[in-house]
Each structure stands twice: as C-alpha cells, then as structure tokens.
Amino acid sequence: MESALTLNHFLFVSGVLFAVGLAGVLIRRNLIVIFMCLELMLAAANLTLVAFSRFNVQDGEPGYDGQVLLFFIITVAAAEVAVGLAIIVALFRSRETTDVTKINSMKF
C-alpha cells in the first residue's frame, strides 16, 4: 500500500490550520488566545511556503528558495512574539484584563 503525500495534502492541512486560526481570532476575546491564533495562521502560511518549495522540482532537485525564506520569516516572527507579548503584558498591568471588549481606547 502506497501512501505518498502530495501537494494537495499539505495545502489541505495548511488551509485547515489557517481556518482554525482565523476562527480563533474572530471568535475569541482573550488577547493571548488571539495572539496564539495569529501565530497558528503564520505557521499555516509557512507550511504552504515549504510545501510549494518542496514540490517545485527543477532538474530533478527541489527548489529550496521557500525554505530559506522560511528561516527569515521565523526570525521576524520571534521578534514579533517578543514585542507582542510585551504589549500584552503592558496592557494587562495597566488595565488588569486581557479581554479585548474591555480595552476600547488607548487612553487610561
């Protein structure tokens, strides 16, 4: 029995991950959960990028351009996580809540 994974399998998983992340961003009200769902959406985009890079075969070898770009995306995402969590912690210290419905203005 052969179970070869195709590009469609990777794109389906990536689409499901992106949809779950988007649903979490739209439905949830906790800032930390929204932030995790945004990271899930970024991971789905990274999976798509690597899948397209892997299945882009030229002269018998896959193209690694997307996988190299992935390392830059992960680096930027790490900086984004540090800044995003710092903003969430600052909001929690000033407002004592992480509910986005209670944070309606930038004023104190």
PDB file of N, CA and C in Angstrom:
ATOM      1  N   MET A   1       0.841  -1.180   0.000  1.00  0.00           N
ATOM      2  CA  MET A   1       0.000   0.000   0.000  1.00  0.00           C
ATOM      3  C   MET A   1       0.883   1.239   0.000  1.00  0.00           C
ATOM      4  N   GLU A   2       0.656   2.099  -0.963  1.00  0.00           N
ATOM      5  CA  GLU A   2       1.474   3.295  -1.097  1.00  0.00           C
ATOM      6  C   GLU A   2       0.730   4.498  -0.533  1.00  0.00           C
ATOM      7  N   SER A   3       1.379   5.256   0.309  1.00  0.00           N
ATOM      8  CA  SER A   3       0.744   6.439   0.907  1.00  0.00           C
ATOM      9  C   SER A   3       1.625   7.655   0.679  1.00  0.00           C
ATOM     10  N   ALA A   4       1.746   8.054  -0.557  1.00  0.00           N
ATOM     11  CA  ALA A   4       2.582   9.207  -0.895  1.00  0.00           C
ATOM     12  C   ALA A   4       1.814  10.497  -0.607  1.00  0.00           C
ATOM     13  N   LEU A   5       2.473  11.400   0.029  1.00  0.00           N
ATOM     14  CA  LEU A   5       1.866  12.690   0.306  1.00  0.00           C
ATOM     15  C   LEU A   5       2.055  13.598  -0.902  1.00  0.00           C
ATOM     16  N   THR A   6       0.982  14.250  -1.284  1.00  0.00           N
ATOM     17  CA  THR A   6       1.039  15.153  -2.424  1.00  0.00           C
ATOM     18  C   THR A   6       0.935  16.594  -1.932  1.00  0.00           C
ATOM     19  N   LEU A   7       1.058  17.495  -2.862  1.00  0.00           N
ATOM     20  CA  LEU A   7       0.934  18.915  -2.537  1.00  0.00           C
ATOM     21  C   LEU A   7      -0.458  19.224  -1.996  1.00  0.00           C
ATOM     22  N   ASN A   8      -1.456  18.535  -2.518  1.00  0.00           N
ATOM     23  CA  ASN A   8      -2.829  18.770  -2.053  1.00  0.00           C
ATOM     24  C   ASN A   8      -3.003  18.429  -0.577  1.00  0.00           C
ATOM     25  N   HIS A   9      -2.322  17.405  -0.090  1.00  0.00           N
ATOM     26  CA  HIS A   9      -2.408  17.055   1.330  1.00  0.00           C
ATOM     27  C   HIS A   9      -1.861  18.192   2.202  1.00  0.00           C
ATOM     28  N   PHE A  10      -0.711  18.715   1.811  1.00  0.00           N
ATOM     29  CA  PHE A  10      -0.104  19.803   2.582  1.00  0.00           C
ATOM     30  C   PHE A  10      -0.964  21.066   2.533  1.00  0.00           C
ATOM     31  N   LEU A  11      -1.509  21.363   1.364  1.00  0.00           N
ATOM     32  CA  LEU A  11      -2.351  22.555   1.240  1.00  0.00           C
ATOM     33  C   LEU A  11      -3.646  22.408   2.023  1.00  0.00           C
ATOM     34  N   PHE A  12      -4.185  21.198   2.088  1.00  0.00           N
ATOM     35  CA  PHE A  12      -5.393  20.969   2.879  1.00  0.00           C
ATOM     36  C   PHE A  12      -5.119  21.191   4.368  1.00  0.00           C
ATOM     37  N   VAL A  13      -4.027  20.629   4.864  1.00  0.00           N
ATOM     38  CA  VAL A  13      -3.671  20.811   6.282  1.00  0.00           C
ATOM     39  C   VAL A  13      -3.398  22.279   6.577  1.00  0.00           C
ATOM     40  N   SER A  14      -2.716  22.934   5.665  1.00  0.00           N
ATOM     41  CA  SER A  14      -2.431  24.351   5.848  1.00  0.00           C
ATOM     42  C   SER A  14      -3.716  25.179   5.850  1.00  0.00           C
ATOM     43  N   GLY A  15      -4.636  24.852   4.971  1.00  0.00           N
ATOM     44  CA  GLY A  15      -5.909  25.564   4.938  1.00  0.00           C
ATOM     45  C   GLY A  15      -6.721  25.357   6.200  1.00  0.00           C
ATOM     46  N   VAL A  16      -6.716  24.131   6.720  1.00  0.00           N
ATOM     47  CA  VAL A  16      -7.436  23.857   7.967  1.00  0.00           C
ATOM     48  C   VAL A  16      -6.800  24.623   9.129  1.00  0.00           C
ATOM     49  N   LEU A  17      -5.477  24.621   9.207  1.00  0.00           N
ATOM     50  CA  LEU A  17      -4.795  25.376  10.272  1.00  0.00           C
ATOM     51  C   LEU A  17      -5.104  26.868  10.177  1.00  0.00           C
ATOM     52  N   PHE A  18      -5.086  27.386   8.952  1.00  0.00           N
ATOM     53  CA  PHE A  18      -5.371  28.816   8.770  1.00  0.00           C
ATOM     54  C   PHE A  18      -6.818  29.121   9.152  1.00  0.00           C
ATOM     55  N   ALA A  19      -7.750  28.243   8.786  1.00  0.00           N
ATOM     56  CA  ALA A  19      -9.162  28.459   9.130  1.00  0.00           C
ATOM     57  C   ALA A  19      -9.387  28.403  10.637  1.00  0.00           C
ATOM     58  N   VAL A  20      -8.718  27.472  11.313  1.00  0.00           N
ATOM     59  CA  VAL A  20      -8.843  27.396  12.778  1.00  0.00           C
ATOM     60  C   VAL A  20      -8.273  28.666  13.419  1.00  0.00           C
ATOM     61  N   GLY A  21      -7.134  29.130  12.911  1.00  0.00           N
ATOM     62  CA  GLY A  21      -6.553  30.362  13.437  1.00  0.00           C
ATOM     63  C   GLY A  21      -7.442  31.563  13.193  1.00  0.00           C
ATOM     64  N   LEU A  22      -8.013  31.663  11.997  1.00  0.00           N
ATOM     65  CA  LEU A  22      -8.897  32.781  11.678  1.00  0.00           C
ATOM     66  C   LEU A  22     -10.159  32.746  12.528  1.00  0.00           C
ATOM     67  N   ALA A  23     -10.716  31.559  12.723  1.00  0.00           N
ATOM     68  CA  ALA A  23     -11.894  31.436  13.593  1.00  0.00           C
ATOM     69  C   ALA A  23     -11.555  31.846  15.024  1.00  0.00           C
ATOM     70  N   GLY A  24     -10.379  31.474  15.491  1.00  0.00           N
ATOM     71  CA  GLY A  24      -9.967  31.861  16.834  1.00  0.00           C
ATOM     72  C   GLY A  24      -9.802  33.363  16.983  1.00  0.00           C
ATOM     73  N   VAL A  25      -9.265  34.005  15.954  1.00  0.00           N
ATOM     74  CA  VAL A  25      -9.091  35.464  16.004  1.00  0.00           C
ATOM     75  C   VAL A  25     -10.449  36.158  16.010  1.00  0.00           C
ATOM     76  N   LEU A  26     -11.381  35.661  15.213  1.00  0.00           N
ATOM     77  CA  LEU A  26     -12.685  36.315  15.099  1.00  0.00           C
ATOM     78  C   LEU A  26     -13.609  36.019  16.276  1.00  0.00           C
ATOM     79  N   ILE A  27     -13.486  34.856  16.890  1.00  0.00           N
ATOM     80  CA  ILE A  27     -14.435  34.454  17.926  1.00  0.00           C
ATOM     81  C   ILE A  27     -13.948  34.770  19.330  1.00  0.00           C
ATOM     82  N   ARG A  28     -12.701  34.507  19.614  1.00  0.00           N
ATOM     83  CA  ARG A  28     -12.196  34.630  20.989  1.00  0.00           C
ATOM     84  C   ARG A  28     -12.019  36.096  21.378  1.00  0.00           C
ATOM     85  N   ARG A  29     -12.032  36.345  22.701  1.00  0.00           N
ATOM     86  CA  ARG A  29     -11.881  37.702  23.210  1.00  0.00           C
ATOM     87  C   ARG A  29     -10.640  37.891  24.076  1.00  0.00           C
ATOM     88  N   ASN A  30      -9.935  36.821  24.353  1.00  0.00           N
ATOM     89  CA  ASN A  30      -8.733  36.915  25.178  1.00  0.00           C
ATOM     90  C   ASN A  30      -7.545  37.265  24.279  1.00  0.00           C
ATOM     91  N   LEU A  31      -6.777  38.273  24.665  1.00  0.00           N
ATOM     92  CA  LEU A  31      -5.653  38.728  23.842  1.00  0.00           C
ATOM     93  C   LEU A  31      -4.609  37.637  23.622  1.00  0.00           C
ATOM     94  N   ILE A  32      -4.345  36.851  24.622  1.00  0.00           N
ATOM     95  CA  ILE A  32      -3.314  35.814  24.494  1.00  0.00           C
ATOM     96  C   ILE A  32      -3.778  34.724  23.528  1.00  0.00           C
ATOM     97  N   VAL A  33      -5.048  34.350  23.590  1.00  0.00           N
ATOM     98  CA  VAL A  33      -5.575  33.346  22.665  1.00  0.00           C
ATOM     99  C   VAL A  33      -5.585  33.896  21.246  1.00  0.00           C
ATOM    100  N   ILE A  34      -5.945  35.148  21.074  1.00  0.00           N
ATOM    101  CA  ILE A  34      -5.913  35.776  19.750  1.00  0.00           C
ATOM    102  C   ILE A  34      -4.491  35.790  19.215  1.00  0.00           C
ATOM    103  N   PHE A  35      -3.542  36.082  20.063  1.00  0.00           N
ATOM    104  CA  PHE A  35      -2.131  36.109  19.657  1.00  0.00           C
ATOM    105  C   PHE A  35      -1.663  34.713  19.236  1.00  0.00           C
ATOM    106  N   MET A  36      -2.080  33.684  19.978  1.00  0.00           N
ATOM    107  CA  MET A  36      -1.721  32.313  19.599  1.00  0.00           C
ATOM    108  C   MET A  36      -2.371  31.918  18.278  1.00  0.00           C
ATOM    109  N   CYS A  37      -3.594  32.365  18.045  1.00  0.00           N
ATOM    110  CA  CYS A  37      -4.260  32.059  16.776  1.00  0.00           C
ATOM    111  C   CYS A  37      -3.582  32.770  15.609  1.00  0.00           C
ATOM    112  N   LEU A  38      -3.084  33.962  15.827  1.00  0.00           N
ATOM    113  CA  LEU A  38      -2.311  34.649  14.785  1.00  0.00           C
ATOM    114  C   LEU A  38      -1.034  33.883  14.463  1.00  0.00           C
ATOM    115  N   GLU A  39      -0.399  33.350  15.478  1.00  0.00           N
ATOM    116  CA  GLU A  39       0.800  32.538  15.246  1.00  0.00           C
ATOM    117  C   GLU A  39       0.455  31.245  14.513  1.00  0.00           C
ATOM    118  N   LEU A  40      -0.713  30.682  14.790  1.00  0.00           N
ATOM    119  CA  LEU A  40      -1.167  29.491  14.071  1.00  0.00           C
ATOM    120  C   LEU A  40      -1.385  29.807  12.593  1.00  0.00           C
ATOM    121  N   MET A  41      -1.935  30.981  12.304  1.00  0.00           N
ATOM    122  CA  MET A  41      -2.109  31.398  10.916  1.00  0.00           C
ATOM    123  C   MET A  41      -0.759  31.592  10.226  1.00  0.00           C
ATOM    124  N   LEU A  42       0.209  32.118  10.942  1.00  0.00           N
ATOM    125  CA  LEU A  42       1.549  32.280  10.381  1.00  0.00           C
ATOM    126  C   LEU A  42       2.196  30.924  10.117  1.00  0.00           C
ATOM    127  N   ALA A  43       1.980  29.966  11.002  1.00  0.00           N
ATOM    128  CA  ALA A  43       2.514  28.618  10.794  1.00  0.00           C
ATOM    129  C   ALA A  43       1.872  27.955   9.580  1.00  0.00           C
ATOM    130  N   ALA A  44       0.587  28.210   9.353  1.00  0.00           N
ATOM    131  CA  ALA A  44      -0.086  27.663   8.173  1.00  0.00           C
ATOM    132  C   ALA A  44       0.501  28.263   6.895  1.00  0.00           C
ATOM    133  N   ALA A  45       0.788  29.546   6.918  1.00  0.00           N
ATOM    134  CA  ALA A  45       1.409  30.181   5.750  1.00  0.00           C
ATOM    135  C   ALA A  45       2.814  29.625   5.523  1.00  0.00           C
ATOM    136  N   ASN A  46       3.540  29.377   6.589  1.00  0.00           N
ATOM    137  CA  ASN A  46       4.883  28.792   6.464  1.00  0.00           C
ATOM    138  C   ASN A  46       4.814  27.378   5.889  1.00  0.00           C
ATOM    139  N   LEU A  47       3.832  26.600   6.319  1.00  0.00           N
ATOM    140  CA  LEU A  47       3.670  25.250   5.789  1.00  0.00           C
ATOM    141  C   LEU A  47       3.380  25.286   4.291  1.00  0.00           C
ATOM    142  N   THR A  48       2.550  26.222   3.870  1.00  0.00           N
ATOM    143  CA  THR A  48       2.263  26.372   2.446  1.00  0.00           C
ATOM    144  C   THR A  48       3.516  26.742   1.676  1.00  0.00           C
ATOM    145  N   LEU A  49       4.291  27.657   2.213  1.00  0.00           N
ATOM    146  CA  LEU A  49       5.518  28.086   1.555  1.00  0.00           C
ATOM    147  C   LEU A  49       6.498  26.929   1.397  1.00  0.00           C
ATOM    148  N   VAL A  50       6.673  26.137   2.429  1.00  0.00           N
ATOM    149  CA  VAL A  50       7.589  24.995   2.359  1.00  0.00           C
ATOM    150  C   VAL A  50       7.048  23.923   1.414  1.00  0.00           C
ATOM    151  N   ALA A  51       5.739  23.712   1.413  1.00  0.00           N
ATOM    152  CA  ALA A  51       5.155  22.705   0.520  1.00  0.00           C
ATOM    153  C   ALA A  51       5.357  23.095  -0.934  1.00  0.00           C
ATOM    154  N   PHE A  52       5.106  24.356  -1.263  1.00  0.00           N
ATOM    155  CA  PHE A  52       5.329  24.793  -2.642  1.00  0.00           C
ATOM    156  C   PHE A  52       6.804  24.719  -3.005  1.00  0.00           C
ATOM    157  N   SER A  53       7.658  25.029  -2.053  1.00  0.00           N
ATOM    158  CA  SER A  53       9.092  24.947  -2.315  1.00  0.00           C
ATOM    159  C   SER A  53       9.525  23.509  -2.536  1.00  0.00           C
ATOM    160  N   ARG A  54       8.979  22.593  -1.769  1.00  0.00           N
ATOM    161  CA  ARG A  54       9.364  21.184  -1.868  1.00  0.00           C
ATOM    162  C   ARG A  54       8.895  20.548  -3.174  1.00  0.00           C
ATOM    163  N   PHE A  55       7.714  20.910  -3.615  1.00  0.00           N
ATOM    164  CA  PHE A  55       7.157  20.293  -4.812  1.00  0.00           C
ATOM    165  C   PHE A  55       7.508  21.054  -6.092  1.00  0.00           C
ATOM    166  N   ASN A  56       8.324  22.075  -6.002  1.00  0.00           N
ATOM    167  CA  ASN A  56       8.809  22.804  -7.173  1.00  0.00           C
ATOM    168  C   ASN A  56      10.124  22.152  -7.618  1.00  0.00           C
ATOM    169  N   VAL A  57      10.004  21.077  -8.372  1.00  0.00           N
ATOM    170  CA  VAL A  57      11.181  20.299  -8.788  1.00  0.00           C
ATOM    171  C   VAL A  57      11.691  20.839 -10.125  1.00  0.00           C
ATOM    172  N   GLN A  58      12.975  21.183 -10.131  1.00  0.00           N
ATOM    173  CA  GLN A  58      13.628  21.637 -11.365  1.00  0.00           C
ATOM    174  C   GLN A  58      14.924  20.862 -11.528  1.00  0.00           C
ATOM    175  N   ASP A  59      15.083  20.232 -12.675  1.00  0.00           N
ATOM    176  CA  ASP A  59      16.266  19.418 -12.981  1.00  0.00           C
ATOM    177  C   ASP A  59      16.457  18.288 -11.967  1.00  0.00           C
ATOM    178  N   GLY A  60      15.369  17.722 -11.490  1.00  0.00           N
ATOM    179  CA  GLY A  60      15.440  16.583 -10.581  1.00  0.00           C
ATOM    180  C   GLY A  60      15.667  16.928  -9.125  1.00  0.00           C
ATOM    181  N   GLU A  61      15.838  18.196  -8.794  1.00  0.00           N
ATOM    182  CA  GLU A  61      16.050  18.603  -7.403  1.00  0.00           C
ATOM    183  C   GLU A  61      15.011  19.634  -7.011  1.00  0.00           C
ATOM    184  N   PRO A  62      14.541  19.556  -5.761  1.00  0.00           N
ATOM    185  CA  PRO A  62      13.538  20.546  -5.325  1.00  0.00           C
ATOM    186  C   PRO A  62      14.171  21.915  -5.124  1.00  0.00           C
ATOM    187  N   GLY A  63      13.368  22.948  -5.311  1.00  0.00           N
ATOM    188  CA  GLY A  63      13.845  24.303  -5.058  1.00  0.00           C
ATOM    189  C   GLY A  63      13.797  24.605  -3.576  1.00  0.00           C
ATOM    190  N   TYR A  64      14.853  25.168  -3.072  1.00  0.00           N
ATOM    191  CA  TYR A  64      14.934  25.445  -1.633  1.00  0.00           C
ATOM    192  C   TYR A  64      14.754  26.924  -1.314  1.00  0.00           C
ATOM    193  N   ASP A  65      14.290  27.702  -2.267  1.00  0.00           N
ATOM    194  CA  ASP A  65      14.115  29.137  -2.028  1.00  0.00           C
ATOM    195  C   ASP A  65      13.080  29.409  -0.941  1.00  0.00           C
ATOM    196  N   GLY A  66      11.965  28.691  -0.976  1.00  0.00           N
ATOM    197  CA  GLY A  66      10.926  28.889   0.033  1.00  0.00           C
ATOM    198  C   GLY A  66      11.379  28.484   1.418  1.00  0.00           C
ATOM    199  N   GLN A  67      12.207  27.453   1.500  1.00  0.00           N
ATOM    200  CA  GLN A  67      12.686  27.007   2.802  1.00  0.00           C
ATOM    201  C   GLN A  67      13.709  27.980   3.381  1.00  0.00           C
ATOM    202  N   VAL A  68      14.480  28.617   2.527  1.00  0.00           N
ATOM    203  CA  VAL A  68      15.404  29.644   3.004  1.00  0.00           C
ATOM    204  C   VAL A  68      14.618  30.862   3.482  1.00  0.00           C
ATOM    205  N   LEU A  69      13.578  31.224   2.734  1.00  0.00           N
ATOM    206  CA  LEU A  69      12.738  32.345   3.135  1.00  0.00           C
ATOM    207  C   LEU A  69      12.039  32.059   4.463  1.00  0.00           C
ATOM    208  N   LEU A  70      11.750  30.796   4.709  1.00  0.00           N
ATOM    209  CA  LEU A  70      11.106  30.404   5.954  1.00  0.00           C
ATOM    210  C   LEU A  70      11.950  30.777   7.172  1.00  0.00           C
ATOM    211  N   PHE A  71      13.263  30.637   7.082  1.00  0.00           N
ATOM    212  CA  PHE A  71      14.120  30.989   8.214  1.00  0.00           C
ATOM    213  C   PHE A  71      14.042  32.484   8.527  1.00  0.00           C
ATOM    214  N   PHE A  72      13.933  33.313   7.498  1.00  0.00           N
ATOM    215  CA  PHE A  72      13.769  34.743   7.737  1.00  0.00           C
ATOM    216  C   PHE A  72      12.413  35.044   8.358  1.00  0.00           C
ATOM    217  N   ILE A  73      11.381  34.331   7.925  1.00  0.00           N
ATOM    218  CA  ILE A  73      10.051  34.527   8.496  1.00  0.00           C
ATOM    219  C   ILE A  73      10.030  34.114   9.955  1.00  0.00           C
ATOM    220  N   ILE A  74      10.684  33.013  10.295  1.00  0.00           N
ATOM    221  CA  ILE A  74      10.740  32.564  11.696  1.00  0.00           C
ATOM    222  C   ILE A  74      11.483  33.575  12.551  1.00  0.00           C
ATOM    223  N   THR A  75      12.537  34.166  12.012  1.00  0.00           N
ATOM    224  CA  THR A  75      13.289  35.185  12.753  1.00  0.00           C
ATOM    225  C   THR A  75      12.425  36.403  13.040  1.00  0.00           C
ATOM    226  N   VAL A  76      11.696  36.867  12.031  1.00  0.00           N
ATOM    227  CA  VAL A  76      10.818  38.022  12.215  1.00  0.00           C
ATOM    228  C   VAL A  76       9.679  37.666  13.171  1.00  0.00           C
ATOM    229  N   ALA A  77       9.168  36.439  13.085  1.00  0.00           N
ATOM    230  CA  ALA A  77       8.089  36.010  13.983  1.00  0.00           C
ATOM    231  C   ALA A  77       8.562  35.967  15.428  1.00  0.00           C
ATOM    232  N   ALA A  78       9.808  35.583  15.659  1.00  0.00           N
ATOM    233  CA  ALA A  78      10.333  35.566  17.030  1.00  0.00           C
ATOM    234  C   ALA A  78      10.391  36.980  17.600  1.00  0.00           C
ATOM    235  N   ALA A  79      10.807  37.935  16.781  1.00  0.00           N
ATOM    236  CA  ALA A  79      10.818  39.333  17.242  1.00  0.00           C
ATOM    237  C   ALA A  79       9.392  39.829  17.464  1.00  0.00           C
ATOM    238  N   GLU A  80       8.475  39.422  16.604  1.00  0.00           N
ATOM    239  CA  GLU A  80       7.083  39.821  16.743  1.00  0.00           C
ATOM    240  C   GLU A  80       6.482  39.258  18.026  1.00  0.00           C
ATOM    241  N   VAL A  81       6.828  38.037  18.378  1.00  0.00           N
ATOM    242  CA  VAL A  81       6.332  37.436  19.617  1.00  0.00           C
ATOM    243  C   VAL A  81       6.836  38.214  20.823  1.00  0.00           C
ATOM    244  N   ALA A  82       8.096  38.590  20.807  1.00  0.00           N
ATOM    245  CA  ALA A  82       8.652  39.347  21.937  1.00  0.00           C
ATOM    246  C   ALA A  82       7.952  40.688  22.092  1.00  0.00           C
ATOM    247  N   VAL A  83       7.757  41.399  21.005  1.00  0.00           N
ATOM    248  CA  VAL A  83       7.097  42.705  21.065  1.00  0.00           C
ATOM    249  C   VAL A  83       5.618  42.553  21.420  1.00  0.00           C
ATOM    250  N   GLY A  84       4.956  41.573  20.796  1.00  0.00           N
ATOM    251  CA  GLY A  84       3.536  41.362  21.072  1.00  0.00           C
ATOM    252  C   GLY A  84       3.268  40.986  22.511  1.00  0.00           C
ATOM    253  N   LEU A  85       4.062  40.089  23.055  1.00  0.00           N
ATOM    254  CA  LEU A  85       3.871  39.718  24.463  1.00  0.00           C
ATOM    255  C   LEU A  85       4.182  40.873  25.404  1.00  0.00           C
ATOM    256  N   ALA A  86       5.153  41.699  25.046  1.00  0.00           N
ATOM    257  CA  ALA A  86       5.444  42.878  25.867  1.00  0.00           C
ATOM    258  C   ALA A  86       4.261  43.846  25.869  1.00  0.00           C
ATOM    259  N   ILE A  87       3.623  44.016  24.726  1.00  0.00           N
ATOM    260  CA  ILE A  87       2.447  44.883  24.660  1.00  0.00           C
ATOM    261  C   ILE A  87       1.295  44.287  25.459  1.00  0.00           C
ATOM    262  N   ILE A  88       1.097  42.981  25.360  1.00  0.00           N
ATOM    263  CA  ILE A  88       0.022  42.334  26.120  1.00  0.00           C
ATOM    264  C   ILE A  88       0.271  42.453  27.622  1.00  0.00           C
ATOM    265  N   VAL A  89       1.503  42.269  28.054  1.00  0.00           N
ATOM    266  CA  VAL A  89       1.834  42.409  29.482  1.00  0.00           C
ATOM    267  C   VAL A  89       1.621  43.845  29.943  1.00  0.00           C
ATOM    268  N   ALA A  90       2.006  44.823  29.124  1.00  0.00           N
ATOM    269  CA  ALA A  90       1.797  46.231  29.487  1.00  0.00           C
ATOM    270  C   ALA A  90       0.308  46.560  29.580  1.00  0.00           C
ATOM    271  N   LEU A  91      -0.487  46.035  28.653  1.00  0.00           N
ATOM    272  CA  LEU A  91      -1.931  46.256  28.722  1.00  0.00           C
ATOM    273  C   LEU A  91      -2.534  45.591  29.956  1.00  0.00           C
ATOM    274  N   PHE A  92      -2.057  44.407  30.283  1.00  0.00           N
ATOM    275  CA  PHE A  92      -2.583  43.715  31.461  1.00  0.00           C
ATOM    276  C   PHE A  92      -2.223  44.465  32.737  1.00  0.00           C
ATOM    277  N   ARG A  93      -1.019  45.001  32.789  1.00  0.00           N
ATOM    278  CA  ARG A  93      -0.624  45.744  34.002  1.00  0.00           C
ATOM    279  C   ARG A  93      -1.419  47.035  34.155  1.00  0.00           C
ATOM    280  N   SER A  94      -1.736  47.694  33.046  1.00  0.00           N
ATOM    281  CA  SER A  94      -2.456  48.959  33.163  1.00  0.00           C
ATOM    282  C   SER A  94      -3.959  48.762  33.303  1.00  0.00           C
ATOM    283  N   ARG A  95      -4.538  47.777  32.628  1.00  0.00           N
ATOM    284  CA  ARG A  95      -5.983  47.576  32.652  1.00  0.00           C
ATOM    285  C   ARG A  95      -6.435  46.418  33.525  1.00  0.00           C
ATOM    286  N   GLU A  96      -5.508  45.519  33.889  1.00  0.00           N
ATOM    287  CA  GLU A  96      -5.785  44.329  34.692  1.00  0.00           C
ATOM    288  C   GLU A  96      -6.797  43.401  34.031  1.00  0.00           C
ATOM    289  N   THR A  97      -6.773  43.343  32.705  1.00  0.00           N
ATOM    290  CA  THR A  97      -7.617  42.420  31.957  1.00  0.00           C
ATOM    291  C   THR A  97      -6.979  42.138  30.600  1.00  0.00           C
ATOM    292  N   THR A  98      -7.304  40.976  30.044  1.00  0.00           N
ATOM    293  CA  THR A  98      -6.860  40.659  28.688  1.00  0.00           C
ATOM    294  C   THR A  98      -8.052  40.508  27.754  1.00  0.00           C
ATOM    295  N   ASP A  99      -9.233  40.935  28.203  1.00  0.00           N
ATOM    296  CA  ASP A  99     -10.435  40.868  27.384  1.00  0.00           C
ATOM    297  C   ASP A  99     -10.453  42.055  26.422  1.00  0.00           C
ATOM    298  N   VAL A 100     -10.561  41.767  25.121  1.00  0.00           N
ATOM    299  CA  VAL A 100     -10.473  42.843  24.133  1.00  0.00           C
ATOM    300  C   VAL A 100     -11.711  43.733  24.133  1.00  0.00           C
ATOM    301  N   THR A 101     -12.830  43.261  24.657  1.00  0.00           N
ATOM    302  CA  THR A 101     -14.022  44.114  24.701  1.00  0.00           C
ATOM    303  C   THR A 101     -13.901  45.193  25.772  1.00  0.00           C
ATOM    304  N   LYS A 102     -13.050  44.972  26.754  1.00  0.00           N
ATOM    305  CA  LYS A 102     -12.862  45.968  27.816  1.00  0.00           C
ATOM    306  C   LYS A 102     -11.725  46.937  27.505  1.00  0.00           C
ATOM    307  N   ILE A 103     -10.964  46.660  26.473  1.00  0.00           N
ATOM    308  CA  ILE A 103      -9.885  47.551  26.047  1.00  0.00           C
ATOM    309  C   ILE A 103     -10.383  48.255  24.790  1.00  0.00           C
ATOM    310  N   ASN A 104     -11.079  49.367  24.963  1.00  0.00           N
ATOM    311  CA  ASN A 104     -11.701  50.019  23.824  1.00  0.00           C
ATOM    312  C   ASN A 104     -11.032  51.328  23.419  1.00  0.00           C
ATOM    313  N   SER A 105     -10.053  51.793  24.178  1.00  0.00           N
ATOM    314  CA  SER A 105      -9.364  53.014  23.786  1.00  0.00           C
ATOM    315  C   SER A 105      -7.909  52.927  24.250  1.00  0.00           C
ATOM    316  N   MET A 106      -7.085  53.769  23.700  1.00  0.00           N
ATOM    317  CA  MET A 106      -5.685  53.788  24.062  1.00  0.00           C
ATOM    318  C   MET A 106      -5.421  54.667  25.293  1.00  0.00           C
ATOM    319  N   LYS A 107      -6.454  55.376  25.756  1.00  0.00           N
ATOM    320  CA  LYS A 107      -6.301  56.231  26.930  1.00  0.00           C
ATOM    321  C   LYS A 107      -6.441  55.414  28.197  1.00  0.00           C
ATOM    322  N   PHE A 108      -5.910  55.944  29.292  1.00  0.00           N
ATOM    323  CA  PHE A 108      -6.039  55.276  30.584  1.00  0.00           C
ATOM    324  C   PHE A 108      -7.321  55.634  31.249  1.00  0.00           C
TER     325      PHE A 108
END
